[in-house]
Amino acid sequence: EMRLEKTAEYAANNNFDGFTTTLLYSRY
């Protein structure tokens, strides 16, 4: 929640269209 919220907030504040996360690389 903490990390992804910051990611989405940064994307919105910097006029990005979207976001993803490197967490999706991990099998764990």
mmCIF file of all heavy atoms, coordinates in Angstrom:
data_MODEL
# 
_entry.id   MODEL 
# 
loop_
_atom_site.group_PDB 
_atom_site.id 
_atom_site.type_symbol 
_atom_site.label_atom_id 
_atom_site.label_alt_id 
_atom_site.label_comp_id 
_atom_site.label_asym_id 
_atom_site.label_entity_id 
_atom_site.label_seq_id 
_atom_site.pdbx_PDB_ins_code 
_atom_site.Cartn_x 
_atom_site.Cartn_y 
_atom_site.Cartn_z 
_atom_site.occupancy 
_atom_site.B_iso_or_equiv 
_atom_site.pdbx_formal_charge 
_atom_site.auth_seq_id 
_atom_site.auth_comp_id 
_atom_site.auth_asym_id 
_atom_site.auth_atom_id 
_atom_site.pdbx_PDB_model_num 
ATOM 1   N N   . GLU A 1 1  ? 0.822  -1.211  0.000   1.00 0.00 ? 1  GLU A N   1 
ATOM 2   C CA  . GLU A 1 1  ? 0.000  0.000   0.000   1.00 0.00 ? 1  GLU A CA  1 
ATOM 3   C C   . GLU A 1 1  ? 0.857  1.263   0.000   1.00 0.00 ? 1  GLU A C   1 
ATOM 4   O O   . GLU A 1 1  ? 0.617  2.182   -0.782  1.00 0.00 ? 1  GLU A O   1 
ATOM 5   C CB  . GLU A 1 1  ? -0.944 0.003   1.199   1.00 0.00 ? 1  GLU A CB  1 
ATOM 6   C CG  . GLU A 1 1  ? -2.023 -1.049  1.116   1.00 0.00 ? 1  GLU A CG  1 
ATOM 7   C CD  . GLU A 1 1  ? -2.872 -1.107  2.366   1.00 0.00 ? 1  GLU A CD  1 
ATOM 8   O OE1 . GLU A 1 1  ? -3.041 -0.071  3.026   1.00 0.00 ? 1  GLU A OE1 1 
ATOM 9   O OE2 . GLU A 1 1  ? -3.354 -2.209  2.677   1.00 0.00 ? 1  GLU A OE2 1 
ATOM 10  N N   . MET A 1 2  ? 1.855  1.304   0.867   1.00 0.00 ? 2  MET A N   1 
ATOM 11  C CA  . MET A 1 2  ? 2.706  2.503   0.977   1.00 0.00 ? 2  MET A CA  1 
ATOM 12  C C   . MET A 1 2  ? 3.488  2.757   -0.307  1.00 0.00 ? 2  MET A C   1 
ATOM 13  O O   . MET A 1 2  ? 3.506  3.869   -0.821  1.00 0.00 ? 2  MET A O   1 
ATOM 14  C CB  . MET A 1 2  ? 3.672  2.364   2.160   1.00 0.00 ? 2  MET A CB  1 
ATOM 15  C CG  . MET A 1 2  ? 3.000  2.398   3.504   1.00 0.00 ? 2  MET A CG  1 
ATOM 16  S SD  . MET A 1 2  ? 4.121  2.348   4.933   1.00 0.00 ? 2  MET A SD  1 
ATOM 17  C CE  . MET A 1 2  ? 5.433  1.264   4.471   1.00 0.00 ? 2  MET A CE  1 
ATOM 18  N N   . ARG A 1 3  ? 4.126  1.738   -0.828  1.00 0.00 ? 3  ARG A N   1 
ATOM 19  C CA  . ARG A 1 3  ? 4.979  1.907   -2.004  1.00 0.00 ? 3  ARG A CA  1 
ATOM 20  C C   . ARG A 1 3  ? 4.167  2.206   -3.250  1.00 0.00 ? 3  ARG A C   1 
ATOM 21  O O   . ARG A 1 3  ? 4.518  3.054   -4.067  1.00 0.00 ? 3  ARG A O   1 
ATOM 22  C CB  . ARG A 1 3  ? 5.832  0.656   -2.219  1.00 0.00 ? 3  ARG A CB  1 
ATOM 23  C CG  . ARG A 1 3  ? 6.857  0.452   -1.110  1.00 0.00 ? 3  ARG A CG  1 
ATOM 24  C CD  . ARG A 1 3  ? 7.587  -0.838  -1.256  1.00 0.00 ? 3  ARG A CD  1 
ATOM 25  N NE  . ARG A 1 3  ? 8.545  -0.733  -2.364  1.00 0.00 ? 3  ARG A NE  1 
ATOM 26  C CZ  . ARG A 1 3  ? 9.129  -1.776  -2.920  1.00 0.00 ? 3  ARG A CZ  1 
ATOM 27  N NH1 . ARG A 1 3  ? 8.847  -2.986  -2.516  1.00 0.00 ? 3  ARG A NH1 1 
ATOM 28  N NH2 . ARG A 1 3  ? 9.990  -1.613  -3.894  1.00 0.00 ? 3  ARG A NH2 1 
ATOM 29  N N   . LEU A 1 4  ? 3.068  1.486   -3.432  1.00 0.00 ? 4  LEU A N   1 
ATOM 30  C CA  . LEU A 1 4  ? 2.267  1.655   -4.639  1.00 0.00 ? 4  LEU A CA  1 
ATOM 31  C C   . LEU A 1 4  ? 1.508  2.986   -4.632  1.00 0.00 ? 4  LEU A C   1 
ATOM 32  O O   . LEU A 1 4  ? 1.327  3.604   -5.683  1.00 0.00 ? 4  LEU A O   1 
ATOM 33  C CB  . LEU A 1 4  ? 1.317  0.474   -4.812  1.00 0.00 ? 4  LEU A CB  1 
ATOM 34  C CG  . LEU A 1 4  ? 2.031  -0.870  -5.031  1.00 0.00 ? 4  LEU A CG  1 
ATOM 35  C CD1 . LEU A 1 4  ? 1.044  -2.023  -4.976  1.00 0.00 ? 4  LEU A CD1 1 
ATOM 36  C CD2 . LEU A 1 4  ? 2.827  -0.877  -6.324  1.00 0.00 ? 4  LEU A CD2 1 
ATOM 37  N N   . GLU A 1 5  ? 1.096  3.421   -3.461  1.00 0.00 ? 5  GLU A N   1 
ATOM 38  C CA  . GLU A 1 5  ? 0.441  4.733   -3.355  1.00 0.00 ? 5  GLU A CA  1 
ATOM 39  C C   . GLU A 1 5  ? 1.398  5.838   -3.795  1.00 0.00 ? 5  GLU A C   1 
ATOM 40  O O   . GLU A 1 5  ? 1.035  6.729   -4.558  1.00 0.00 ? 5  GLU A O   1 
ATOM 41  C CB  . GLU A 1 5  ? -0.015 4.985   -1.915  1.00 0.00 ? 5  GLU A CB  1 
ATOM 42  C CG  . GLU A 1 5  ? -0.590 6.374   -1.667  1.00 0.00 ? 5  GLU A CG  1 
ATOM 43  C CD  . GLU A 1 5  ? -2.076 6.475   -1.977  1.00 0.00 ? 5  GLU A CD  1 
ATOM 44  O OE1 . GLU A 1 5  ? -2.786 5.478   -1.790  1.00 0.00 ? 5  GLU A OE1 1 
ATOM 45  O OE2 . GLU A 1 5  ? -2.509 7.569   -2.397  1.00 0.00 ? 5  GLU A OE2 1 
ATOM 46  N N   . LYS A 1 6  ? 2.631  5.762   -3.334  1.00 0.00 ? 6  LYS A N   1 
ATOM 47  C CA  . LYS A 1 6  ? 3.635  6.768   -3.728  1.00 0.00 ? 6  LYS A CA  1 
ATOM 48  C C   . LYS A 1 6  ? 3.886  6.715   -5.238  1.00 0.00 ? 6  LYS A C   1 
ATOM 49  O O   . LYS A 1 6  ? 4.080  7.749   -5.871  1.00 0.00 ? 6  LYS A O   1 
ATOM 50  C CB  . LYS A 1 6  ? 4.951  6.552   -2.975  1.00 0.00 ? 6  LYS A CB  1 
ATOM 51  C CG  . LYS A 1 6  ? 4.884  6.902   -1.514  1.00 0.00 ? 6  LYS A CG  1 
ATOM 52  C CD  . LYS A 1 6  ? 4.783  8.386   -1.337  1.00 0.00 ? 6  LYS A CD  1 
ATOM 53  C CE  . LYS A 1 6  ? 4.844  8.757   0.119   1.00 0.00 ? 6  LYS A CE  1 
ATOM 54  N NZ  . LYS A 1 6  ? 4.489  10.142  0.355   1.00 0.00 ? 6  LYS A NZ  1 
ATOM 55  N N   . THR A 1 7  ? 3.893  5.538   -5.805  1.00 0.00 ? 7  THR A N   1 
ATOM 56  C CA  . THR A 1 7  ? 4.107  5.383   -7.246  1.00 0.00 ? 7  THR A CA  1 
ATOM 57  C C   . THR A 1 7  ? 2.979  6.040   -8.034  1.00 0.00 ? 7  THR A C   1 
ATOM 58  O O   . THR A 1 7  ? 3.224  6.817   -8.961  1.00 0.00 ? 7  THR A O   1 
ATOM 59  C CB  . THR A 1 7  ? 4.215  3.888   -7.611  1.00 0.00 ? 7  THR A CB  1 
ATOM 60  O OG1 . THR A 1 7  ? 5.303  3.313   -6.884  1.00 0.00 ? 7  THR A OG1 1 
ATOM 61  C CG2 . THR A 1 7  ? 4.432  3.694   -9.092  1.00 0.00 ? 7  THR A CG2 1 
ATOM 62  N N   . ALA A 1 8  ? 1.741  5.729   -7.649  1.00 0.00 ? 8  ALA A N   1 
ATOM 63  C CA  . ALA A 1 8  ? 0.584  6.306   -8.345  1.00 0.00 ? 8  ALA A CA  1 
ATOM 64  C C   . ALA A 1 8  ? 0.538  7.820   -8.156  1.00 0.00 ? 8  ALA A C   1 
ATOM 65  O O   . ALA A 1 8  ? 0.270  8.572   -9.100  1.00 0.00 ? 8  ALA A O   1 
ATOM 66  C CB  . ALA A 1 8  ? -0.706 5.666   -7.834  1.00 0.00 ? 8  ALA A CB  1 
ATOM 67  N N   . GLU A 1 9  ? 0.827  8.270   -6.960  1.00 0.00 ? 9  GLU A N   1 
ATOM 68  C CA  . GLU A 1 9  ? 0.840  9.713   -6.676  1.00 0.00 ? 9  GLU A CA  1 
ATOM 69  C C   . GLU A 1 9  ? 1.892  10.420  -7.531  1.00 0.00 ? 9  GLU A C   1 
ATOM 70  O O   . GLU A 1 9  ? 1.627  11.470  -8.123  1.00 0.00 ? 9  GLU A O   1 
ATOM 71  C CB  . GLU A 1 9  ? 1.121  9.949   -5.186  1.00 0.00 ? 9  GLU A CB  1 
ATOM 72  C CG  . GLU A 1 9  ? 1.117  11.378  -4.762  1.00 0.00 ? 9  GLU A CG  1 
ATOM 73  C CD  . GLU A 1 9  ? 1.420  11.551  -3.281  1.00 0.00 ? 9  GLU A CD  1 
ATOM 74  O OE1 . GLU A 1 9  ? 1.624  10.547  -2.570  1.00 0.00 ? 9  GLU A OE1 1 
ATOM 75  O OE2 . GLU A 1 9  ? 1.462  12.706  -2.838  1.00 0.00 ? 9  GLU A OE2 1 
ATOM 76  N N   . TYR A 1 10 ? 3.076  9.839   -7.618  1.00 0.00 ? 10 TYR A N   1 
ATOM 77  C CA  . TYR A 1 10 ? 4.142  10.425  -8.429  1.00 0.00 ? 10 TYR A CA  1 
ATOM 78  C C   . TYR A 1 10 ? 3.732  10.480  -9.900  1.00 0.00 ? 10 TYR A C   1 
ATOM 79  O O   . TYR A 1 10 ? 3.938  11.491  -10.574 1.00 0.00 ? 10 TYR A O   1 
ATOM 80  C CB  . TYR A 1 10 ? 5.437  9.616   -8.267  1.00 0.00 ? 10 TYR A CB  1 
ATOM 81  C CG  . TYR A 1 10 ? 6.584  10.196  -9.044  1.00 0.00 ? 10 TYR A CG  1 
ATOM 82  C CD1 . TYR A 1 10 ? 7.416  11.164  -8.474  1.00 0.00 ? 10 TYR A CD1 1 
ATOM 83  C CD2 . TYR A 1 10 ? 6.843  9.812   -10.360 1.00 0.00 ? 10 TYR A CD2 1 
ATOM 84  C CE1 . TYR A 1 10 ? 8.457  11.722  -9.187  1.00 0.00 ? 10 TYR A CE1 1 
ATOM 85  C CE2 . TYR A 1 10 ? 7.887  10.365  -11.080 1.00 0.00 ? 10 TYR A CE2 1 
ATOM 86  C CZ  . TYR A 1 10 ? 8.700  11.316  -10.499 1.00 0.00 ? 10 TYR A CZ  1 
ATOM 87  O OH  . TYR A 1 10 ? 9.728  11.867  -11.209 1.00 0.00 ? 10 TYR A OH  1 
ATOM 88  N N   . ALA A 1 11 ? 3.156  9.383   -10.382 1.00 0.00 ? 11 ALA A N   1 
ATOM 89  C CA  . ALA A 1 11 ? 2.723  9.330   -11.786 1.00 0.00 ? 11 ALA A CA  1 
ATOM 90  C C   . ALA A 1 11 ? 1.689  10.424  -12.073 1.00 0.00 ? 11 ALA A C   1 
ATOM 91  O O   . ALA A 1 11 ? 1.786  11.129  -13.081 1.00 0.00 ? 11 ALA A O   1 
ATOM 92  C CB  . ALA A 1 11 ? 2.153  7.956   -12.111 1.00 0.00 ? 11 ALA A CB  1 
ATOM 93  N N   . ALA A 1 12 ? 0.726  10.568  -11.191 1.00 0.00 ? 12 ALA A N   1 
ATOM 94  C CA  . ALA A 1 12 ? -0.320 11.582  -11.385 1.00 0.00 ? 12 ALA A CA  1 
ATOM 95  C C   . ALA A 1 12 ? 0.256  12.994  -11.311 1.00 0.00 ? 12 ALA A C   1 
ATOM 96  O O   . ALA A 1 12 ? -0.070 13.845  -12.137 1.00 0.00 ? 12 ALA A O   1 
ATOM 97  C CB  . ALA A 1 12 ? -1.415 11.404  -10.342 1.00 0.00 ? 12 ALA A CB  1 
ATOM 98  N N   . ASN A 1 13 ? 1.122  13.234  -10.349 1.00 0.00 ? 13 ASN A N   1 
ATOM 99  C CA  . ASN A 1 13 ? 1.705  14.571  -10.163 1.00 0.00 ? 13 ASN A CA  1 
ATOM 100 C C   . ASN A 1 13 ? 2.666  14.971  -11.277 1.00 0.00 ? 13 ASN A C   1 
ATOM 101 O O   . ASN A 1 13 ? 2.970  16.152  -11.442 1.00 0.00 ? 13 ASN A O   1 
ATOM 102 C CB  . ASN A 1 13 ? 2.424  14.667  -8.815  1.00 0.00 ? 13 ASN A CB  1 
ATOM 103 C CG  . ASN A 1 13 ? 1.465  14.678  -7.650  1.00 0.00 ? 13 ASN A CG  1 
ATOM 104 O OD1 . ASN A 1 13 ? 0.282  14.963  -7.797  1.00 0.00 ? 13 ASN A OD1 1 
ATOM 105 N ND2 . ASN A 1 13 ? 1.971  14.346  -6.474  1.00 0.00 ? 13 ASN A ND2 1 
ATOM 106 N N   . ASN A 1 14 ? 3.151  13.988  -12.012 1.00 0.00 ? 14 ASN A N   1 
ATOM 107 C CA  . ASN A 1 14 ? 4.112  14.270  -13.085 1.00 0.00 ? 14 ASN A CA  1 
ATOM 108 C C   . ASN A 1 14 ? 3.529  14.003  -14.472 1.00 0.00 ? 14 ASN A C   1 
ATOM 109 O O   . ASN A 1 14 ? 4.268  13.806  -15.436 1.00 0.00 ? 14 ASN A O   1 
ATOM 110 C CB  . ASN A 1 14 ? 5.397  13.477  -12.853 1.00 0.00 ? 14 ASN A CB  1 
ATOM 111 C CG  . ASN A 1 14 ? 6.170  14.038  -11.674 1.00 0.00 ? 14 ASN A CG  1 
ATOM 112 O OD1 . ASN A 1 14 ? 6.899  15.009  -11.819 1.00 0.00 ? 14 ASN A OD1 1 
ATOM 113 N ND2 . ASN A 1 14 ? 5.985  13.457  -10.501 1.00 0.00 ? 14 ASN A ND2 1 
ATOM 114 N N   . ASN A 1 15 ? 2.219  13.981  -14.552 1.00 0.00 ? 15 ASN A N   1 
ATOM 115 C CA  . ASN A 1 15 ? 1.485  13.867  -15.817 1.00 0.00 ? 15 ASN A CA  1 
ATOM 116 C C   . ASN A 1 15 ? 1.767  12.591  -16.614 1.00 0.00 ? 15 ASN A C   1 
ATOM 117 O O   . ASN A 1 15 ? 1.768  12.616  -17.841 1.00 0.00 ? 15 ASN A O   1 
ATOM 118 C CB  . ASN A 1 15 ? 1.717  15.108  -16.687 1.00 0.00 ? 15 ASN A CB  1 
ATOM 119 C CG  . ASN A 1 15 ? 1.251  16.362  -15.985 1.00 0.00 ? 15 ASN A CG  1 
ATOM 120 O OD1 . ASN A 1 15 ? 0.147  16.388  -15.425 1.00 0.00 ? 15 ASN A OD1 1 
ATOM 121 N ND2 . ASN A 1 15 ? 2.081  17.382  -15.980 1.00 0.00 ? 15 ASN A ND2 1 
ATOM 122 N N   . PHE A 1 16 ? 2.019  11.486  -15.916 1.00 0.00 ? 16 PHE A N   1 
ATOM 123 C CA  . PHE A 1 16 ? 2.140  10.197  -16.591 1.00 0.00 ? 16 PHE A CA  1 
ATOM 124 C C   . PHE A 1 16 ? 0.743  9.684   -16.889 1.00 0.00 ? 16 PHE A C   1 
ATOM 125 O O   . PHE A 1 16 ? -0.213 9.998   -16.183 1.00 0.00 ? 16 PHE A O   1 
ATOM 126 C CB  . PHE A 1 16 ? 2.878  9.185   -15.704 1.00 0.00 ? 16 PHE A CB  1 
ATOM 127 C CG  . PHE A 1 16 ? 4.351  9.447   -15.576 1.00 0.00 ? 16 PHE A CG  1 
ATOM 128 C CD1 . PHE A 1 16 ? 4.846  10.240  -14.560 1.00 0.00 ? 16 PHE A CD1 1 
ATOM 129 C CD2 . PHE A 1 16 ? 5.238  8.870   -16.469 1.00 0.00 ? 16 PHE A CD2 1 
ATOM 130 C CE1 . PHE A 1 16 ? 6.207  10.474  -14.437 1.00 0.00 ? 16 PHE A CE1 1 
ATOM 131 C CE2 . PHE A 1 16 ? 6.610  9.104   -16.353 1.00 0.00 ? 16 PHE A CE2 1 
ATOM 132 C CZ  . PHE A 1 16 ? 7.086  9.903   -15.330 1.00 0.00 ? 16 PHE A CZ  1 
ATOM 133 N N   . ASP A 1 17 ? 0.623  8.872   -17.926 1.00 0.00 ? 17 ASP A N   1 
ATOM 134 C CA  . ASP A 1 17 ? -0.664 8.257   -18.268 1.00 0.00 ? 17 ASP A CA  1 
ATOM 135 C C   . ASP A 1 17 ? -0.976 7.065   -17.368 1.00 0.00 ? 17 ASP A C   1 
ATOM 136 O O   . ASP A 1 17 ? -2.133 6.734   -17.141 1.00 0.00 ? 17 ASP A O   1 
ATOM 137 C CB  . ASP A 1 17 ? -0.671 7.767   -19.716 1.00 0.00 ? 17 ASP A CB  1 
ATOM 138 C CG  . ASP A 1 17 ? -0.551 8.911   -20.702 1.00 0.00 ? 17 ASP A CG  1 
ATOM 139 O OD1 . ASP A 1 17 ? -1.052 10.007  -20.404 1.00 0.00 ? 17 ASP A OD1 1 
ATOM 140 O OD2 . ASP A 1 17 ? 0.045  8.699   -21.769 1.00 0.00 ? 17 ASP A OD2 1 
ATOM 141 N N   . GLY A 1 18 ? 0.072  6.395   -16.902 1.00 0.00 ? 18 GLY A N   1 
ATOM 142 C CA  . GLY A 1 18 ? -0.134 5.187   -16.123 1.00 0.00 ? 18 GLY A CA  1 
ATOM 143 C C   . GLY A 1 18 ? 1.115  4.791   -15.361 1.00 0.00 ? 18 GLY A C   1 
ATOM 144 O O   . GLY A 1 18 ? 2.095  5.526   -15.327 1.00 0.00 ? 18 GLY A O   1 
ATOM 145 N N   . PHE A 1 19 ? 1.057  3.613   -14.776 1.00 0.00 ? 19 PHE A N   1 
ATOM 146 C CA  . PHE A 1 19 ? 2.182  3.112   -13.978 1.00 0.00 ? 19 PHE A CA  1 
ATOM 147 C C   . PHE A 1 19 ? 2.126  1.594   -13.922 1.00 0.00 ? 19 PHE A C   1 
ATOM 148 O O   . PHE A 1 19 ? 1.139  0.965   -14.270 1.00 0.00 ? 19 PHE A O   1 
ATOM 149 C CB  . PHE A 1 19 ? 2.163  3.703   -12.557 1.00 0.00 ? 19 PHE A CB  1 
ATOM 150 C CG  . PHE A 1 19 ? 1.009  3.218   -11.713 1.00 0.00 ? 19 PHE A CG  1 
ATOM 151 C CD1 . PHE A 1 19 ? 1.205  2.245   -10.760 1.00 0.00 ? 19 PHE A CD1 1 
ATOM 152 C CD2 . PHE A 1 19 ? -0.267 3.748   -11.866 1.00 0.00 ? 19 PHE A CD2 1 
ATOM 153 C CE1 . PHE A 1 19 ? 0.147  1.791   -9.982  1.00 0.00 ? 19 PHE A CE1 1 
ATOM 154 C CE2 . PHE A 1 19 ? -1.324 3.309   -11.100 1.00 0.00 ? 19 PHE A CE2 1 
ATOM 155 C CZ  . PHE A 1 19 ? -1.123 2.324   -10.149 1.00 0.00 ? 19 PHE A CZ  1 
ATOM 156 N N   . THR A 1 20 ? 3.215  1.004   -13.470 1.00 0.00 ? 20 THR A N   1 
ATOM 157 C CA  . THR A 1 20 ? 3.312  -0.419  -13.183 1.00 0.00 ? 20 THR A CA  1 
ATOM 158 C C   . THR A 1 20 ? 4.293  -0.568  -12.025 1.00 0.00 ? 20 THR A C   1 
ATOM 159 O O   . THR A 1 20 ? 4.666  0.429   -11.407 1.00 0.00 ? 20 THR A O   1 
ATOM 160 C CB  . THR A 1 20 ? 3.743  -1.219  -14.434 1.00 0.00 ? 20 THR A CB  1 
ATOM 161 O OG1 . THR A 1 20 ? 3.556  -2.618  -14.156 1.00 0.00 ? 20 THR A OG1 1 
ATOM 162 C CG2 . THR A 1 20 ? 5.176  -0.942  -14.846 1.00 0.00 ? 20 THR A CG2 1 
ATOM 163 N N   . THR A 1 21 ? 4.731  -1.766  -11.729 1.00 0.00 ? 21 THR A N   1 
ATOM 164 C CA  . THR A 1 21 ? 5.653  -1.970  -10.616 1.00 0.00 ? 21 THR A CA  1 
ATOM 165 C C   . THR A 1 21 ? 6.598  -3.135  -10.884 1.00 0.00 ? 21 THR A C   1 
ATOM 166 O O   . THR A 1 21 ? 6.196  -4.138  -11.493 1.00 0.00 ? 21 THR A O   1 
ATOM 167 C CB  . THR A 1 21 ? 4.904  -2.209  -9.288  1.00 0.00 ? 21 THR A CB  1 
ATOM 168 O OG1 . THR A 1 21 ? 5.837  -2.544  -8.254  1.00 0.00 ? 21 THR A OG1 1 
ATOM 169 C CG2 . THR A 1 21 ? 3.872  -3.313  -9.407  1.00 0.00 ? 21 THR A CG2 1 
ATOM 170 N N   . THR A 1 22 ? 7.813  -2.997  -10.425 1.00 0.00 ? 22 THR A N   1 
ATOM 171 C CA  . THR A 1 22 ? 8.798  -4.081  -10.562 1.00 0.00 ? 22 THR A CA  1 
ATOM 172 C C   . THR A 1 22 ? 8.467  -5.246  -9.631  1.00 0.00 ? 22 THR A C   1 
ATOM 173 O O   . THR A 1 22 ? 9.042  -6.321  -9.781  1.00 0.00 ? 22 THR A O   1 
ATOM 174 C CB  . THR A 1 22 ? 10.222 -3.584  -10.256 1.00 0.00 ? 22 THR A CB  1 
ATOM 175 O OG1 . THR A 1 22 ? 10.254 -3.044  -8.937  1.00 0.00 ? 22 THR A OG1 1 
ATOM 176 C CG2 . THR A 1 22 ? 10.660 -2.545  -11.267 1.00 0.00 ? 22 THR A CG2 1 
ATOM 177 N N   . LEU A 1 23 ? 7.547  -5.059  -8.690  1.00 0.00 ? 23 LEU A N   1 
ATOM 178 C CA  . LEU A 1 23 ? 7.127  -6.170  -7.836  1.00 0.00 ? 23 LEU A CA  1 
ATOM 179 C C   . LEU A 1 23 ? 6.553  -7.316  -8.670  1.00 0.00 ? 23 LEU A C   1 
ATOM 180 O O   . LEU A 1 23 ? 6.567  -8.468  -8.247  1.00 0.00 ? 23 LEU A O   1 
ATOM 181 C CB  . LEU A 1 23 ? 6.076  -5.701  -6.819  1.00 0.00 ? 23 LEU A CB  1 
ATOM 182 C CG  . LEU A 1 23 ? 6.559  -4.750  -5.732  1.00 0.00 ? 23 LEU A CG  1 
ATOM 183 C CD1 . LEU A 1 23 ? 5.369  -4.191  -4.963  1.00 0.00 ? 23 LEU A CD1 1 
ATOM 184 C CD2 . LEU A 1 23 ? 7.527  -5.450  -4.794  1.00 0.00 ? 23 LEU A CD2 1 
ATOM 185 N N   . LEU A 1 24 ? 6.052  -6.988  -9.863  1.00 0.00 ? 24 LEU A N   1 
ATOM 186 C CA  . LEU A 1 24 ? 5.453  -8.006  -10.728 1.00 0.00 ? 24 LEU A CA  1 
ATOM 187 C C   . LEU A 1 24 ? 6.492  -8.925  -11.371 1.00 0.00 ? 24 LEU A C   1 
ATOM 188 O O   . LEU A 1 24 ? 6.140  -9.903  -12.024 1.00 0.00 ? 24 LEU A O   1 
ATOM 189 C CB  . LEU A 1 24 ? 4.609  -7.341  -11.816 1.00 0.00 ? 24 LEU A CB  1 
ATOM 190 C CG  . LEU A 1 24 ? 3.418  -6.541  -11.288 1.00 0.00 ? 24 LEU A CG  1 
ATOM 191 C CD1 . LEU A 1 24 ? 2.751  -5.773  -12.417 1.00 0.00 ? 24 LEU A CD1 1 
ATOM 192 C CD2 . LEU A 1 24 ? 2.434  -7.449  -10.580 1.00 0.00 ? 24 LEU A CD2 1 
ATOM 193 N N   . TYR A 1 25 ? 7.756  -8.659  -11.163 1.00 0.00 ? 25 TYR A N   1 
ATOM 194 C CA  . TYR A 1 25 ? 8.833  -9.502  -11.673 1.00 0.00 ? 25 TYR A CA  1 
ATOM 195 C C   . TYR A 1 25 ? 9.075  -10.699 -10.751 1.00 0.00 ? 25 TYR A C   1 
ATOM 196 O O   . TYR A 1 25 ? 9.499  -11.759 -11.197 1.00 0.00 ? 25 TYR A O   1 
ATOM 197 C CB  . TYR A 1 25 ? 10.110 -8.666  -11.819 1.00 0.00 ? 25 TYR A CB  1 
ATOM 198 C CG  . TYR A 1 25 ? 11.345 -9.465  -12.159 1.00 0.00 ? 25 TYR A CG  1 
ATOM 199 C CD1 . TYR A 1 25 ? 11.529 -9.985  -13.431 1.00 0.00 ? 25 TYR A CD1 1 
ATOM 200 C CD2 . TYR A 1 25 ? 12.320 -9.706  -11.211 1.00 0.00 ? 25 TYR A CD2 1 
ATOM 201 C CE1 . TYR A 1 25 ? 12.660 -10.723 -13.749 1.00 0.00 ? 25 TYR A CE1 1 
ATOM 202 C CE2 . TYR A 1 25 ? 13.451 -10.437 -11.513 1.00 0.00 ? 25 TYR A CE2 1 
ATOM 203 C CZ  . TYR A 1 25 ? 13.617 -10.954 -12.780 1.00 0.00 ? 25 TYR A CZ  1 
ATOM 204 O OH  . TYR A 1 25 ? 14.729 -11.683 -13.089 1.00 0.00 ? 25 TYR A OH  1 
ATOM 205 N N   . SER A 1 26 ? 8.758  -10.534 -9.486  1.00 0.00 ? 26 SER A N   1 
ATOM 206 C CA  . SER A 1 26 ? 9.124  -11.538 -8.489  1.00 0.00 ? 26 SER A CA  1 
ATOM 207 C C   . SER A 1 26 ? 8.104  -12.664 -8.370  1.00 0.00 ? 26 SER A C   1 
ATOM 208 O O   . SER A 1 26 ? 6.908  -12.432 -8.269  1.00 0.00 ? 26 SER A O   1 
ATOM 209 C CB  . SER A 1 26 ? 9.291  -10.874 -7.128  1.00 0.00 ? 26 SER A CB  1 
ATOM 210 O OG  . SER A 1 26 ? 9.552  -11.867 -6.141  1.00 0.00 ? 26 SER A OG  1 
ATOM 211 N N   . ARG A 1 27 ? 8.621  -13.862 -8.310  1.00 0.00 ? 27 ARG A N   1 
ATOM 212 C CA  . ARG A 1 27 ? 7.783  -15.038 -8.053  1.00 0.00 ? 27 ARG A CA  1 
ATOM 213 C C   . ARG A 1 27 ? 7.294  -15.059 -6.610  1.00 0.00 ? 27 ARG A C   1 
ATOM 214 O O   . ARG A 1 27 ? 6.380  -15.808 -6.278  1.00 0.00 ? 27 ARG A O   1 
ATOM 215 C CB  . ARG A 1 27 ? 8.577  -16.317 -8.300  1.00 0.00 ? 27 ARG A CB  1 
ATOM 216 C CG  . ARG A 1 27 ? 8.895  -16.570 -9.727  1.00 0.00 ? 27 ARG A CG  1 
ATOM 217 C CD  . ARG A 1 27 ? 9.642  -17.879 -9.860  1.00 0.00 ? 27 ARG A CD  1 
ATOM 218 N NE  . ARG A 1 27 ? 9.900  -18.154 -11.261 1.00 0.00 ? 27 ARG A NE  1 
ATOM 219 C CZ  . ARG A 1 27 ? 10.586 -19.195 -11.683 1.00 0.00 ? 27 ARG A CZ  1 
ATOM 220 N NH1 . ARG A 1 27 ? 11.080 -20.047 -10.814 1.00 0.00 ? 27 ARG A NH1 1 
ATOM 221 N NH2 . ARG A 1 27 ? 10.778 -19.374 -12.967 1.00 0.00 ? 27 ARG A NH2 1 
ATOM 222 N N   . TYR A 1 28 ? 7.900  -14.271 -5.766  1.00 0.00 ? 28 TYR A N   1 
ATOM 223 C CA  . TYR A 1 28 ? 7.587  -14.296 -4.341  1.00 0.00 ? 28 TYR A CA  1 
ATOM 224 C C   . TYR A 1 28 ? 6.519  -13.282 -3.936  1.00 0.00 ? 28 TYR A C   1 
ATOM 225 O O   . TYR A 1 28 ? 6.102  -13.257 -2.792  1.00 0.00 ? 28 TYR A O   1 
ATOM 226 C CB  . TYR A 1 28 ? 8.864  -14.054 -3.524  1.00 0.00 ? 28 TYR A CB  1 
ATOM 227 C CG  . TYR A 1 28 ? 9.920  -15.084 -3.825  1.00 0.00 ? 28 TYR A CG  1 
ATOM 228 C CD1 . TYR A 1 28 ? 11.048 -14.746 -4.562  1.00 0.00 ? 28 TYR A CD1 1 
ATOM 229 C CD2 . TYR A 1 28 ? 9.777  -16.401 -3.410  1.00 0.00 ? 28 TYR A CD2 1 
ATOM 230 C CE1 . TYR A 1 28 ? 12.014 -15.694 -4.858  1.00 0.00 ? 28 TYR A CE1 1 
ATOM 231 C CE2 . TYR A 1 28 ? 10.742 -17.358 -3.708  1.00 0.00 ? 28 TYR A CE2 1 
ATOM 232 C CZ  . TYR A 1 28 ? 11.853 -16.993 -4.425  1.00 0.00 ? 28 TYR A CZ  1 
ATOM 233 O OH  . TYR A 1 28 ? 12.796 -17.938 -4.722  1.00 0.00 ? 28 TYR A OH  1 
# 
